[in-house]
């Protein structure tokens, strides 16, 4: 009877340890997922050059086609 009790106790302890390990693993995975930044959709990356406008101001390139923005006071052509 005593060996049967030891066997049952050993099985119960092993089951508890396995469950505790699984819960720890899952909690760490959830923490990692929460700390991972979301993957952004592919966007357009334009170069950071600037163009000097006739009035002395500067404009940069704008997405989606990376053309220079219109200079202030000019009428954009489409």
N, C-alpha and C. Protein backbone atom coordinates (compact mmCIF):
# COMPACT_ATOMS: atom_id res chain seq x y z
N UNK A 1 0.81 -1.18 0.00
CA UNK A 1 0.00 0.00 0.00
C UNK A 1 0.86 1.26 0.00
N UNK A 2 1.97 1.19 0.73
CA UNK A 2 2.84 2.35 0.82
C UNK A 2 3.50 2.65 -0.52
N UNK A 3 3.91 1.65 -1.29
CA UNK A 3 4.53 1.88 -2.59
C UNK A 3 3.51 2.43 -3.59
N UNK A 4 2.25 2.03 -3.46
CA UNK A 4 1.20 2.54 -4.35
C UNK A 4 0.96 4.03 -4.06
N UNK A 5 1.01 4.41 -2.81
CA UNK A 5 0.84 5.81 -2.42
C UNK A 5 1.99 6.65 -2.96
N UNK A 6 3.22 6.12 -2.87
CA UNK A 6 4.38 6.84 -3.40
C UNK A 6 4.27 7.01 -4.91
N UNK A 7 3.79 6.00 -5.59
CA UNK A 7 3.65 6.07 -7.05
C UNK A 7 2.61 7.13 -7.43
N UNK A 8 1.49 7.13 -6.76
CA UNK A 8 0.44 8.12 -7.04
C UNK A 8 0.95 9.53 -6.74
N UNK A 9 1.64 9.69 -5.63
CA UNK A 9 2.19 10.99 -5.26
C UNK A 9 3.22 11.45 -6.29
N UNK A 10 4.05 10.56 -6.78
CA UNK A 10 5.04 10.90 -7.80
C UNK A 10 4.36 11.34 -9.09
N UNK A 11 3.33 10.62 -9.49
CA UNK A 11 2.60 10.98 -10.71
C UNK A 11 1.95 12.36 -10.55
N UNK A 12 1.33 12.61 -9.40
CA UNK A 12 0.68 13.89 -9.16
C UNK A 12 1.71 15.02 -9.20
N UNK A 13 2.86 14.83 -8.58
CA UNK A 13 3.91 15.85 -8.58
C UNK A 13 4.40 16.10 -10.00
N UNK A 14 4.59 15.05 -10.78
CA UNK A 14 5.04 15.22 -12.17
C UNK A 14 4.01 15.97 -13.00
N UNK A 15 2.74 15.64 -12.83
CA UNK A 15 1.67 16.33 -13.57
C UNK A 15 1.65 17.81 -13.20
N UNK A 16 1.78 18.11 -11.92
CA UNK A 16 1.78 19.51 -11.47
C UNK A 16 2.98 20.24 -12.05
N UNK A 17 4.15 19.62 -12.07
CA UNK A 17 5.34 20.26 -12.63
C UNK A 17 5.19 20.50 -14.13
N UNK A 18 4.64 19.54 -14.84
CA UNK A 18 4.44 19.71 -16.28
C UNK A 18 3.45 20.85 -16.54
N UNK A 19 2.36 20.88 -15.81
CA UNK A 19 1.38 21.96 -15.98
C UNK A 19 1.97 23.32 -15.63
N UNK A 20 2.76 23.39 -14.57
CA UNK A 20 3.39 24.65 -14.18
C UNK A 20 4.37 25.10 -15.27
N UNK A 21 5.13 24.18 -15.82
CA UNK A 21 6.06 24.52 -16.90
C UNK A 21 5.33 25.00 -18.13
N UNK A 22 4.23 24.36 -18.47
CA UNK A 22 3.45 24.77 -19.64
C UNK A 22 2.85 26.16 -19.43
N UNK A 23 2.36 26.42 -18.23
CA UNK A 23 1.80 27.75 -17.95
C UNK A 23 2.89 28.82 -18.01
N UNK A 24 4.07 28.53 -17.49
CA UNK A 24 5.18 29.48 -17.53
C UNK A 24 5.59 29.75 -18.98
N UNK A 25 5.71 28.71 -19.78
CA UNK A 25 6.07 28.86 -21.19
C UNK A 25 5.06 29.73 -21.91
N UNK A 26 3.79 29.47 -21.70
CA UNK A 26 2.73 30.23 -22.37
C UNK A 26 2.74 31.68 -21.93
N UNK A 27 2.97 31.94 -20.65
CA UNK A 27 2.99 33.32 -20.18
C UNK A 27 4.17 34.08 -20.77
N UNK A 28 5.32 33.42 -20.90
CA UNK A 28 6.48 34.08 -21.51
C UNK A 28 6.22 34.36 -22.98
N UNK A 29 5.56 33.45 -23.67
CA UNK A 29 5.24 33.65 -25.07
C UNK A 29 4.28 34.82 -25.23
N UNK A 30 3.30 34.94 -24.34
CA UNK A 30 2.36 36.05 -24.41
C UNK A 30 3.06 37.38 -24.13
N UNK A 31 4.01 37.39 -23.22
CA UNK A 31 4.77 38.61 -22.92
C UNK A 31 5.59 39.01 -24.14
N UNK A 32 6.24 38.03 -24.78
CA UNK A 32 7.03 38.33 -25.97
C UNK A 32 6.16 38.88 -27.09
N UNK A 33 4.97 38.31 -27.27
CA UNK A 33 4.06 38.79 -28.32
C UNK A 33 3.59 40.20 -28.02
N UNK A 34 3.37 40.51 -26.74
CA UNK A 34 2.91 41.85 -26.38
C UNK A 34 4.00 42.88 -26.57
N UNK A 35 5.26 42.49 -26.41
CA UNK A 35 6.37 43.43 -26.55
C UNK A 35 6.91 43.54 -27.96
N UNK A 36 6.41 42.72 -28.86
CA UNK A 36 6.87 42.77 -30.25
C UNK A 36 6.07 43.84 -30.99
N UNK A 37 6.78 44.79 -31.61
CA UNK A 37 6.03 45.81 -32.34
C UNK A 37 5.32 45.21 -33.54
N UNK A 38 4.16 45.74 -33.87
CA UNK A 38 3.43 45.19 -35.02
C UNK A 38 4.19 45.41 -36.32
N UNK A 39 4.03 44.50 -37.23
CA UNK A 39 4.66 44.63 -38.53
C UNK A 39 3.83 45.60 -39.35
N UNK A 40 4.49 46.65 -39.78
CA UNK A 40 3.78 47.65 -40.56
C UNK A 40 3.75 47.24 -42.02
N UNK A 41 2.74 47.73 -42.69
CA UNK A 41 2.66 47.47 -44.12
C UNK A 41 3.81 48.19 -44.80
N UNK A 42 4.19 47.66 -45.95
CA UNK A 42 5.27 48.30 -46.68
C UNK A 42 4.83 49.68 -47.11
N UNK A 43 5.66 50.64 -46.82
CA UNK A 43 5.38 52.02 -47.21
C UNK A 43 6.43 52.48 -48.21
N UNK A 44 6.34 53.72 -48.55
CA UNK A 44 7.29 54.30 -49.49
C UNK A 44 8.30 55.09 -48.69
N UNK A 45 9.56 54.87 -48.97
CA UNK A 45 10.63 55.61 -48.32
C UNK A 45 11.31 56.48 -49.38
N UNK A 46 11.17 57.78 -49.22
CA UNK A 46 11.77 58.71 -50.17
C UNK A 46 13.10 59.20 -49.62
N UNK A 47 13.99 59.58 -50.50
CA UNK A 47 15.26 60.13 -50.06
C UNK A 47 15.03 61.47 -49.38
N UNK A 48 15.95 61.88 -48.56
CA UNK A 48 15.78 63.09 -47.76
C UNK A 48 16.41 64.31 -48.43
N UNK A 49 16.47 64.37 -49.77
CA UNK A 49 17.03 65.55 -50.39
C UNK A 49 16.02 66.68 -50.39
N UNK A 50 16.52 67.88 -50.61
CA UNK A 50 15.67 69.06 -50.60
C UNK A 50 15.92 69.85 -51.88
N UNK A 51 14.92 70.61 -52.26
CA UNK A 51 15.03 71.47 -53.43
C UNK A 51 14.80 72.90 -52.97
N UNK A 52 15.62 73.81 -53.45
CA UNK A 52 15.46 75.22 -53.10
C UNK A 52 14.45 75.86 -54.04
N UNK A 53 13.49 76.53 -53.47
CA UNK A 53 12.46 77.20 -54.25
C UNK A 53 12.93 78.62 -54.60
N UNK A 54 12.28 79.26 -55.59
CA UNK A 54 12.67 80.61 -55.98
C UNK A 54 12.60 81.63 -54.84
N UNK A 55 11.73 81.40 -53.86
CA UNK A 55 11.62 82.36 -52.74
C UNK A 55 12.65 82.09 -51.65
N UNK A 56 13.52 81.08 -51.84
CA UNK A 56 14.57 80.78 -50.86
C UNK A 56 14.19 79.70 -49.86
N UNK A 57 12.96 79.25 -49.86
CA UNK A 57 12.56 78.16 -48.96
C UNK A 57 12.92 76.83 -49.60
N UNK A 58 12.80 75.77 -48.84
CA UNK A 58 13.15 74.44 -49.31
C UNK A 58 11.95 73.51 -49.17
N UNK A 59 11.84 72.58 -50.10
CA UNK A 59 10.81 71.54 -50.01
C UNK A 59 11.47 70.18 -50.17
N UNK A 60 10.85 69.18 -49.59
CA UNK A 60 11.37 67.82 -49.68
C UNK A 60 10.49 66.96 -50.58
N UNK A 61 10.87 65.71 -50.68
CA UNK A 61 10.11 64.76 -51.49
C UNK A 61 8.94 64.21 -50.67
N UNK A 62 7.85 63.91 -51.37
CA UNK A 62 6.67 63.38 -50.69
C UNK A 62 6.23 62.08 -51.37
N UNK A 63 5.69 61.18 -50.56
CA UNK A 63 5.19 59.91 -51.07
C UNK A 63 3.87 60.14 -51.80
N UNK A 64 3.39 59.31 -52.61
CA UNK A 64 3.87 57.97 -52.92
C UNK A 64 4.87 57.93 -54.07
N UNK A 65 5.00 59.00 -54.85
CA UNK A 65 5.88 58.94 -56.01
C UNK A 65 7.23 59.60 -55.78
N UNK A 66 7.46 60.14 -54.58
CA UNK A 66 8.73 60.75 -54.17
C UNK A 66 9.12 61.96 -55.04
N UNK A 67 8.14 62.64 -55.55
CA UNK A 67 8.41 63.89 -56.27
C UNK A 67 8.54 65.01 -55.24
N UNK A 68 9.23 66.09 -55.63
CA UNK A 68 9.34 67.23 -54.72
C UNK A 68 7.98 67.87 -54.53
N UNK A 69 7.71 68.30 -53.33
CA UNK A 69 6.47 69.01 -53.04
C UNK A 69 6.50 70.34 -53.78
N UNK A 70 5.34 70.89 -54.09
CA UNK A 70 5.35 72.19 -54.78
C UNK A 70 5.88 73.29 -53.88
N UNK A 71 6.55 74.23 -54.48
CA UNK A 71 7.08 75.36 -53.73
C UNK A 71 5.92 76.23 -53.25
N UNK A 72 6.08 76.90 -52.12
CA UNK A 72 5.02 77.78 -51.63
C UNK A 72 4.76 78.89 -52.64
N UNK A 73 3.50 79.18 -52.85
CA UNK A 73 3.13 80.24 -53.77
C UNK A 73 3.07 79.84 -55.23
N UNK A 74 3.33 78.58 -55.52
CA UNK A 74 3.23 78.10 -56.90
C UNK A 74 1.99 77.27 -57.05
N UNK A 75 1.48 77.22 -58.26
CA UNK A 75 0.30 76.42 -58.53
C UNK A 75 0.77 75.02 -58.97
N UNK A 76 0.38 73.99 -58.25
CA UNK A 76 0.81 72.65 -58.64
C UNK A 76 0.22 72.24 -59.96
N UNK A 77 1.00 71.57 -60.78
CA UNK A 77 0.52 71.05 -62.05
C UNK A 77 0.23 69.56 -61.90
N UNK A 78 -0.86 69.10 -62.44
CA UNK A 78 -1.24 67.70 -62.32
C UNK A 78 -1.13 67.00 -63.62
